[in-house]
Amino acid sequence: GNMFAMSMEMSEKGYLDGLDDQIDWGDEEHM
């Protein structure tokens, strides 16, 4: 769960732009 939350904030800040996928806040389907 913490890794999800971290990656959600990273996605929001653009840190994961180099990966093939990102994740939005609260996207339980993706989780």
ModelCIF file with pLDDT and N, C-alpha, C, O atoms, coordinates in Angstrom:
data_MODEL
#
_entry.id   MODEL 
#
_entity.id                         1 
_entity.type                       polymer 
_entity.pdbx_number_of_molecules   1 
#
_entity_poly.entity_id                      1 
_entity_poly.type                           'polypeptide(L)' 
_entity_poly.nstd_linkage                   no 
_entity_poly.nstd_monomer                   no 
_entity_poly.pdbx_seq_one_letter_code       GNMFAMSMEMSEKGYLDGLDDQIDWGDEEHM 
_entity_poly.pdbx_seq_one_letter_code_can   GNMFAMSMEMSEKGYLDGLDDQIDWGDEEHM 
_entity_poly.pdbx_strand_id                 A 
#
loop_
_entity_poly_seq.entity_id 
_entity_poly_seq.num 
_entity_poly_seq.mon_id 
_entity_poly_seq.hetero 
1 1  GLY n 
1 2  ASN n 
1 3  MET n 
1 4  PHE n 
1 5  ALA n 
1 6  MET n 
1 7  SER n 
1 8  MET n 
1 9  GLU n 
1 10 MET n 
1 11 SER n 
1 12 GLU n 
1 13 LYS n 
1 14 GLY n 
1 15 TYR n 
1 16 LEU n 
1 17 ASP n 
1 18 GLY n 
1 19 LEU n 
1 20 ASP n 
1 21 ASP n 
1 22 GLN n 
1 23 ILE n 
1 24 ASP n 
1 25 TRP n 
1 26 GLY n 
1 27 ASP n 
1 28 GLU n 
1 29 GLU n 
1 30 HIS n 
1 31 MET n 
#
_struct_asym.id          A 
_struct_asym.entity_id   1 
#
loop_
_ma_qa_metric.id 
_ma_qa_metric.mode 
_ma_qa_metric.name 
_ma_qa_metric.software_group_id 
_ma_qa_metric.type 
1 global pLDDT . pLDDT 
2 local  pLDDT . pLDDT 
#
_ma_qa_metric_global.metric_id      1 
_ma_qa_metric_global.metric_value   97.39 
_ma_qa_metric_global.model_id       1 
_ma_qa_metric_global.ordinal_id     1 
#
loop_
_ma_qa_metric_local.label_asym_id 
_ma_qa_metric_local.label_comp_id 
_ma_qa_metric_local.label_seq_id 
_ma_qa_metric_local.metric_id 
_ma_qa_metric_local.metric_value 
_ma_qa_metric_local.model_id 
_ma_qa_metric_local.ordinal_id 
A GLY 1  2 98.00 1 1  
A ASN 2  2 98.00 1 2  
A MET 3  2 98.00 1 3  
A PHE 4  2 98.00 1 4  
A ALA 5  2 98.00 1 5  
A MET 6  2 98.00 1 6  
A SER 7  2 98.00 1 7  
A MET 8  2 98.00 1 8  
A GLU 9  2 98.00 1 9  
A MET 10 2 98.00 1 10 
A SER 11 2 98.00 1 11 
A GLU 12 2 98.00 1 12 
A LYS 13 2 98.00 1 13 
A GLY 14 2 98.00 1 14 
A TYR 15 2 98.00 1 15 
A LEU 16 2 98.00 1 16 
A ASP 17 2 97.00 1 17 
A GLY 18 2 94.00 1 18 
A LEU 19 2 96.00 1 19 
A ASP 20 2 92.00 1 20 
A ASP 21 2 96.00 1 21 
A GLN 22 2 97.00 1 22 
A ILE 23 2 98.00 1 23 
A ASP 24 2 98.00 1 24 
A TRP 25 2 98.00 1 25 
A GLY 26 2 97.00 1 26 
A ASP 27 2 98.00 1 27 
A GLU 28 2 97.00 1 28 
A GLU 29 2 97.00 1 29 
A HIS 30 2 98.00 1 30 
A MET 31 2 98.00 1 31 
#
loop_
_atom_site.group_PDB 
_atom_site.id 
_atom_site.type_symbol 
_atom_site.label_atom_id 
_atom_site.label_alt_id 
_atom_site.label_comp_id 
_atom_site.label_asym_id 
_atom_site.label_entity_id 
_atom_site.label_seq_id 
_atom_site.pdbx_PDB_ins_code 
_atom_site.Cartn_x 
_atom_site.Cartn_y 
_atom_site.Cartn_z 
_atom_site.occupancy 
_atom_site.B_iso_or_equiv 
_atom_site.pdbx_formal_charge 
_atom_site.auth_seq_id 
_atom_site.auth_comp_id 
_atom_site.auth_asym_id 
_atom_site.auth_atom_id 
_atom_site.pdbx_PDB_model_num 
ATOM 1   N N  . GLY A 1 1  ? 0.810  -1.211 0.000   1.00 98.00 ? 1  GLY A N  1 
ATOM 2   C CA . GLY A 1 1  ? 0.000  0.000  0.000   1.00 98.00 ? 1  GLY A CA 1 
ATOM 3   C C  . GLY A 1 1  ? 0.843  1.261  0.000   1.00 98.00 ? 1  GLY A C  1 
ATOM 4   O O  . GLY A 1 1  ? 0.540  2.220  -0.710  1.00 98.00 ? 1  GLY A O  1 
ATOM 5   N N  . ASN A 1 2  ? 1.907  1.259  0.800   1.00 98.00 ? 2  ASN A N  1 
ATOM 6   C CA . ASN A 1 2  ? 2.801  2.414  0.821   1.00 98.00 ? 2  ASN A CA 1 
ATOM 7   C C  . ASN A 1 2  ? 3.489  2.618  -0.523  1.00 98.00 ? 2  ASN A C  1 
ATOM 8   O O  . ASN A 1 2  ? 3.685  3.752  -0.959  1.00 98.00 ? 2  ASN A O  1 
ATOM 9   N N  . MET A 1 3  ? 3.857  1.513  -1.179  1.00 98.00 ? 3  MET A N  1 
ATOM 10  C CA . MET A 1 3  ? 4.475  1.640  -2.502  1.00 98.00 ? 3  MET A CA 1 
ATOM 11  C C  . MET A 1 3  ? 3.487  2.203  -3.515  1.00 98.00 ? 3  MET A C  1 
ATOM 12  O O  . MET A 1 3  ? 3.868  2.978  -4.393  1.00 98.00 ? 3  MET A O  1 
ATOM 13  N N  . PHE A 1 4  ? 2.212  1.815  -3.397  1.00 98.00 ? 4  PHE A N  1 
ATOM 14  C CA . PHE A 1 4  ? 1.193  2.421  -4.254  1.00 98.00 ? 4  PHE A CA 1 
ATOM 15  C C  . PHE A 1 4  ? 1.134  3.933  -4.024  1.00 98.00 ? 4  PHE A C  1 
ATOM 16  O O  . PHE A 1 4  ? 1.172  4.719  -4.971  1.00 98.00 ? 4  PHE A O  1 
ATOM 17  N N  . ALA A 1 5  ? 1.040  4.327  -2.751  1.00 98.00 ? 5  ALA A N  1 
ATOM 18  C CA . ALA A 1 5  ? 0.915  5.748  -2.435  1.00 98.00 ? 5  ALA A CA 1 
ATOM 19  C C  . ALA A 1 5  ? 2.138  6.526  -2.914  1.00 98.00 ? 5  ALA A C  1 
ATOM 20  O O  . ALA A 1 5  ? 2.008  7.624  -3.455  1.00 98.00 ? 5  ALA A O  1 
ATOM 21  N N  . MET A 1 6  ? 3.326  5.953  -2.713  1.00 98.00 ? 6  MET A N  1 
ATOM 22  C CA . MET A 1 6  ? 4.547  6.605  -3.171  1.00 98.00 ? 6  MET A CA 1 
ATOM 23  C C  . MET A 1 6  ? 4.543  6.777  -4.685  1.00 98.00 ? 6  MET A C  1 
ATOM 24  O O  . MET A 1 6  ? 4.880  7.842  -5.202  1.00 98.00 ? 6  MET A O  1 
ATOM 25  N N  . SER A 1 7  ? 4.152  5.700  -5.397  1.00 98.00 ? 7  SER A N  1 
ATOM 26  C CA . SER A 1 7  ? 4.160  5.773  -6.865  1.00 98.00 ? 7  SER A CA 1 
ATOM 27  C C  . SER A 1 7  ? 3.076  6.719  -7.374  1.00 98.00 ? 7  SER A C  1 
ATOM 28  O O  . SER A 1 7  ? 3.242  7.325  -8.433  1.00 98.00 ? 7  SER A O  1 
ATOM 29  N N  . MET A 1 8  ? 1.967  6.859  -6.641  1.00 98.00 ? 8  MET A N  1 
ATOM 30  C CA . MET A 1 8  ? 0.937  7.817  -7.029  1.00 98.00 ? 8  MET A CA 1 
ATOM 31  C C  . MET A 1 8  ? 1.466  9.245  -6.928  1.00 98.00 ? 8  MET A C  1 
ATOM 32  O O  . MET A 1 8  ? 1.241  10.065 -7.817  1.00 98.00 ? 8  MET A O  1 
ATOM 33  N N  . GLU A 1 9  ? 2.170  9.530  -5.835  1.00 98.00 ? 9  GLU A N  1 
ATOM 34  C CA . GLU A 1 9  ? 2.759  10.865 -5.699  1.00 98.00 ? 9  GLU A CA 1 
ATOM 35  C C  . GLU A 1 9  ? 3.861  11.069 -6.737  1.00 98.00 ? 9  GLU A C  1 
ATOM 36  O O  . GLU A 1 9  ? 3.987  12.155 -7.303  1.00 98.00 ? 9  GLU A O  1 
ATOM 37  N N  . MET A 1 10 ? 4.657  10.032 -6.987  1.00 98.00 ? 10 MET A N  1 
ATOM 38  C CA . MET A 1 10 ? 5.694  10.125 -8.018  1.00 98.00 ? 10 MET A CA 1 
ATOM 39  C C  . MET A 1 10 ? 5.089  10.389 -9.389  1.00 98.00 ? 10 MET A C  1 
ATOM 40  O O  . MET A 1 10 ? 5.609  11.192 -10.164 1.00 98.00 ? 10 MET A O  1 
ATOM 41  N N  . SER A 1 11 ? 3.978  9.703  -9.682  1.00 98.00 ? 11 SER A N  1 
ATOM 42  C CA . SER A 1 11 ? 3.306  9.920  -10.964 1.00 98.00 ? 11 SER A CA 1 
ATOM 43  C C  . SER A 1 11 ? 2.842  11.362 -11.089 1.00 98.00 ? 11 SER A C  1 
ATOM 44  O O  . SER A 1 11 ? 2.998  11.998 -12.132 1.00 98.00 ? 11 SER A O  1 
ATOM 45  N N  . GLU A 1 12 ? 2.266  11.864 -9.999  1.00 98.00 ? 12 GLU A N  1 
ATOM 46  C CA . GLU A 1 12 ? 1.764  13.237 -9.992  1.00 98.00 ? 12 GLU A CA 1 
ATOM 47  C C  . GLU A 1 12 ? 2.890  14.243 -10.220 1.00 98.00 ? 12 GLU A C  1 
ATOM 48  O O  . GLU A 1 12 ? 2.690  15.268 -10.872 1.00 98.00 ? 12 GLU A O  1 
ATOM 49  N N  . LYS A 1 13 ? 4.075  13.947 -9.682  1.00 98.00 ? 13 LYS A N  1 
ATOM 50  C CA . LYS A 1 13 ? 5.215  14.870 -9.783  1.00 98.00 ? 13 LYS A CA 1 
ATOM 51  C C  . LYS A 1 13 ? 6.053  14.648 -11.036 1.00 98.00 ? 13 LYS A C  1 
ATOM 52  O O  . LYS A 1 13 ? 7.010  15.383 -11.276 1.00 98.00 ? 13 LYS A O  1 
ATOM 53  N N  . GLY A 1 14 ? 5.705  13.643 -11.836 1.00 98.00 ? 14 GLY A N  1 
ATOM 54  C CA . GLY A 1 14 ? 6.432  13.414 -13.071 1.00 98.00 ? 14 GLY A CA 1 
ATOM 55  C C  . GLY A 1 14 ? 7.659  12.545 -12.946 1.00 98.00 ? 14 GLY A C  1 
ATOM 56  O O  . GLY A 1 14 ? 8.413  12.409 -13.909 1.00 98.00 ? 14 GLY A O  1 
ATOM 57  N N  . TYR A 1 15 ? 7.884  11.948 -11.782 1.00 98.00 ? 15 TYR A N  1 
ATOM 58  C CA . TYR A 1 15 ? 9.082  11.131 -11.590 1.00 98.00 ? 15 TYR A CA 1 
ATOM 59  C C  . TYR A 1 15 ? 9.047  9.833  -12.395 1.00 98.00 ? 15 TYR A C  1 
ATOM 60  O O  . TYR A 1 15 ? 10.097 9.265  -12.694 1.00 98.00 ? 15 TYR A O  1 
ATOM 61  N N  . LEU A 1 16 ? 7.855  9.359  -12.747 1.00 98.00 ? 16 LEU A N  1 
ATOM 62  C CA . LEU A 1 16 ? 7.740  8.075  -13.436 1.00 98.00 ? 16 LEU A CA 1 
ATOM 63  C C  . LEU A 1 16 ? 7.506  8.239  -14.933 1.00 98.00 ? 16 LEU A C  1 
ATOM 64  O O  . LEU A 1 16 ? 7.073  7.297  -15.597 1.00 98.00 ? 16 LEU A O  1 
ATOM 65  N N  . ASP A 1 17 ? 7.785  9.419  -15.468 1.00 97.00 ? 17 ASP A N  1 
ATOM 66  C CA . ASP A 1 17 ? 7.537  9.661  -16.889 1.00 97.00 ? 17 ASP A CA 1 
ATOM 67  C C  . ASP A 1 17 ? 8.356  8.725  -17.772 1.00 97.00 ? 17 ASP A C  1 
ATOM 68  O O  . ASP A 1 17 ? 7.976  8.464  -18.913 1.00 97.00 ? 17 ASP A O  1 
ATOM 69  N N  . GLY A 1 18 ? 9.472  8.219  -17.259 1.00 94.00 ? 18 GLY A N  1 
ATOM 70  C CA . GLY A 1 18 ? 10.307 7.335  -18.048 1.00 94.00 ? 18 GLY A CA 1 
ATOM 71  C C  . GLY A 1 18 ? 9.871  5.889  -18.049 1.00 94.00 ? 18 GLY A C  1 
ATOM 72  O O  . GLY A 1 18 ? 10.428 5.083  -18.794 1.00 94.00 ? 18 GLY A O  1 
ATOM 73  N N  . LEU A 1 19 ? 8.882  5.532  -17.230 1.00 96.00 ? 19 LEU A N  1 
ATOM 74  C CA . LEU A 1 19 ? 8.390  4.157  -17.183 1.00 96.00 ? 19 LEU A CA 1 
ATOM 75  C C  . LEU A 1 19 ? 7.246  3.959  -18.179 1.00 96.00 ? 19 LEU A C  1 
ATOM 76  O O  . LEU A 1 19 ? 6.684  4.918  -18.707 1.00 96.00 ? 19 LEU A O  1 
ATOM 77  N N  . ASP A 1 20 ? 6.919  2.693  -18.419 1.00 92.00 ? 20 ASP A N  1 
ATOM 78  C CA . ASP A 1 20 ? 5.853  2.394  -19.378 1.00 92.00 ? 20 ASP A CA 1 
ATOM 79  C C  . ASP A 1 20 ? 4.464  2.589  -18.797 1.00 92.00 ? 20 ASP A C  1 
ATOM 80  O O  . ASP A 1 20 ? 3.472  2.509  -19.522 1.00 92.00 ? 20 ASP A O  1 
ATOM 81  N N  . ASP A 1 21 ? 4.377  2.846  -17.486 1.00 96.00 ? 21 ASP A N  1 
ATOM 82  C CA . ASP A 1 21 ? 3.068  2.947  -16.842 1.00 96.00 ? 21 ASP A CA 1 
ATOM 83  C C  . ASP A 1 21 ? 3.198  3.840  -15.617 1.00 96.00 ? 21 ASP A C  1 
ATOM 84  O O  . ASP A 1 21 ? 4.277  3.975  -15.041 1.00 96.00 ? 21 ASP A O  1 
ATOM 85  N N  . GLN A 1 22 ? 2.073  4.451  -15.226 1.00 97.00 ? 22 GLN A N  1 
ATOM 86  C CA . GLN A 1 22 ? 1.997  5.248  -14.009 1.00 97.00 ? 22 GLN A CA 1 
ATOM 87  C C  . GLN A 1 22 ? 0.666  4.927  -13.349 1.00 97.00 ? 22 GLN A C  1 
ATOM 88  O O  . GLN A 1 22 ? -0.108 4.116  -13.859 1.00 97.00 ? 22 GLN A O  1 
ATOM 89  N N  . ILE A 1 23 ? 0.399  5.571  -12.205 1.00 98.00 ? 23 ILE A N  1 
ATOM 90  C CA . ILE A 1 23 ? -0.847 5.255  -11.505 1.00 98.00 ? 23 ILE A CA 1 
ATOM 91  C C  . ILE A 1 23 ? -1.398 6.503  -10.837 1.00 98.00 ? 23 ILE A C  1 
ATOM 92  O O  . ILE A 1 23 ? -0.656 7.270  -10.224 1.00 98.00 ? 23 ILE A O  1 
ATOM 93  N N  . ASP A 1 24 ? -2.698 6.699  -10.958 1.00 98.00 ? 24 ASP A N  1 
ATOM 94  C CA . ASP A 1 24 ? -3.369 7.864  -10.386 1.00 98.00 ? 24 ASP A CA 1 
ATOM 95  C C  . ASP A 1 24 ? -3.811 7.579  -8.956  1.00 98.00 ? 24 ASP A C  1 
ATOM 96  O O  . ASP A 1 24 ? -3.965 6.424  -8.558  1.00 98.00 ? 24 ASP A O  1 
ATOM 97  N N  . TRP A 1 25 ? -4.011 8.642  -8.197  1.00 98.00 ? 25 TRP A N  1 
ATOM 98  C CA . TRP A 1 25 ? -4.499 8.517  -6.824  1.00 98.00 ? 25 TRP A CA 1 
ATOM 99  C C  . TRP A 1 25 ? -5.830 7.761  -6.795  1.00 98.00 ? 25 TRP A C  1 
ATOM 100 O O  . TRP A 1 25 ? -6.745 8.054  -7.564  1.00 98.00 ? 25 TRP A O  1 
ATOM 101 N N  . GLY A 1 26 ? -5.914 6.794  -5.900  1.00 97.00 ? 26 GLY A N  1 
ATOM 102 C CA . GLY A 1 26 ? -7.176 6.109  -5.654  1.00 97.00 ? 26 GLY A CA 1 
ATOM 103 C C  . GLY A 1 26 ? -7.650 5.196  -6.757  1.00 97.00 ? 26 GLY A C  1 
ATOM 104 O O  . GLY A 1 26 ? -8.820 4.813  -6.767  1.00 97.00 ? 26 GLY A O  1 
ATOM 105 N N  . ASP A 1 27 ? -6.780 4.831  -7.694  1.00 98.00 ? 27 ASP A N  1 
ATOM 106 C CA . ASP A 1 27 ? -7.186 3.981  -8.822  1.00 98.00 ? 27 ASP A CA 1 
ATOM 107 C C  . ASP A 1 27 ? -7.156 2.521  -8.381  1.00 98.00 ? 27 ASP A C  1 
ATOM 108 O O  . ASP A 1 27 ? -6.184 1.805  -8.623  1.00 98.00 ? 27 ASP A O  1 
ATOM 109 N N  . GLU A 1 28 ? -8.250 2.089  -7.723  1.00 97.00 ? 28 GLU A N  1 
ATOM 110 C CA . GLU A 1 28 ? -8.263 0.736  -7.160  1.00 97.00 ? 28 GLU A CA 1 
ATOM 111 C C  . GLU A 1 28 ? -8.234 -0.347 -8.234  1.00 97.00 ? 28 GLU A C  1 
ATOM 112 O O  . GLU A 1 28 ? -7.697 -1.429 -8.001  1.00 97.00 ? 28 GLU A O  1 
ATOM 113 N N  . GLU A 1 29 ? -8.798 -0.074 -9.393  1.00 97.00 ? 29 GLU A N  1 
ATOM 114 C CA . GLU A 1 29 ? -8.755 -1.056 -10.477 1.00 97.00 ? 29 GLU A CA 1 
ATOM 115 C C  . GLU A 1 29 ? -7.309 -1.343 -10.890 1.00 97.00 ? 29 GLU A C  1 
ATOM 116 O O  . GLU A 1 29 ? -6.923 -2.498 -11.072 1.00 97.00 ? 29 GLU A O  1 
ATOM 117 N N  . HIS A 1 30 ? -6.524 -0.288 -11.033 1.00 98.00 ? 30 HIS A N  1 
ATOM 118 C CA . HIS A 1 30 ? -5.123 -0.438 -11.406 1.00 98.00 ? 30 HIS A CA 1 
ATOM 119 C C  . HIS A 1 30 ? -4.331 -1.114 -10.276 1.00 98.00 ? 30 HIS A C  1 
ATOM 120 O O  . HIS A 1 30 ? -3.458 -1.943 -10.532 1.00 98.00 ? 30 HIS A O  1 
ATOM 121 N N  . MET A 1 31 ? -4.642 -0.754 -9.039  1.00 98.00 ? 31 MET A N  1 
ATOM 122 C CA . MET A 1 31 ? -3.953 -1.346 -7.890  1.00 98.00 ? 31 MET A CA 1 
ATOM 123 C C  . MET A 1 31 ? -4.151 -2.862 -7.845  1.00 98.00 ? 31 MET A C  1 
ATOM 124 O O  . MET A 1 31 ? -3.640 -3.525 -6.943  1.00 98.00 ? 31 MET A O  1 
#
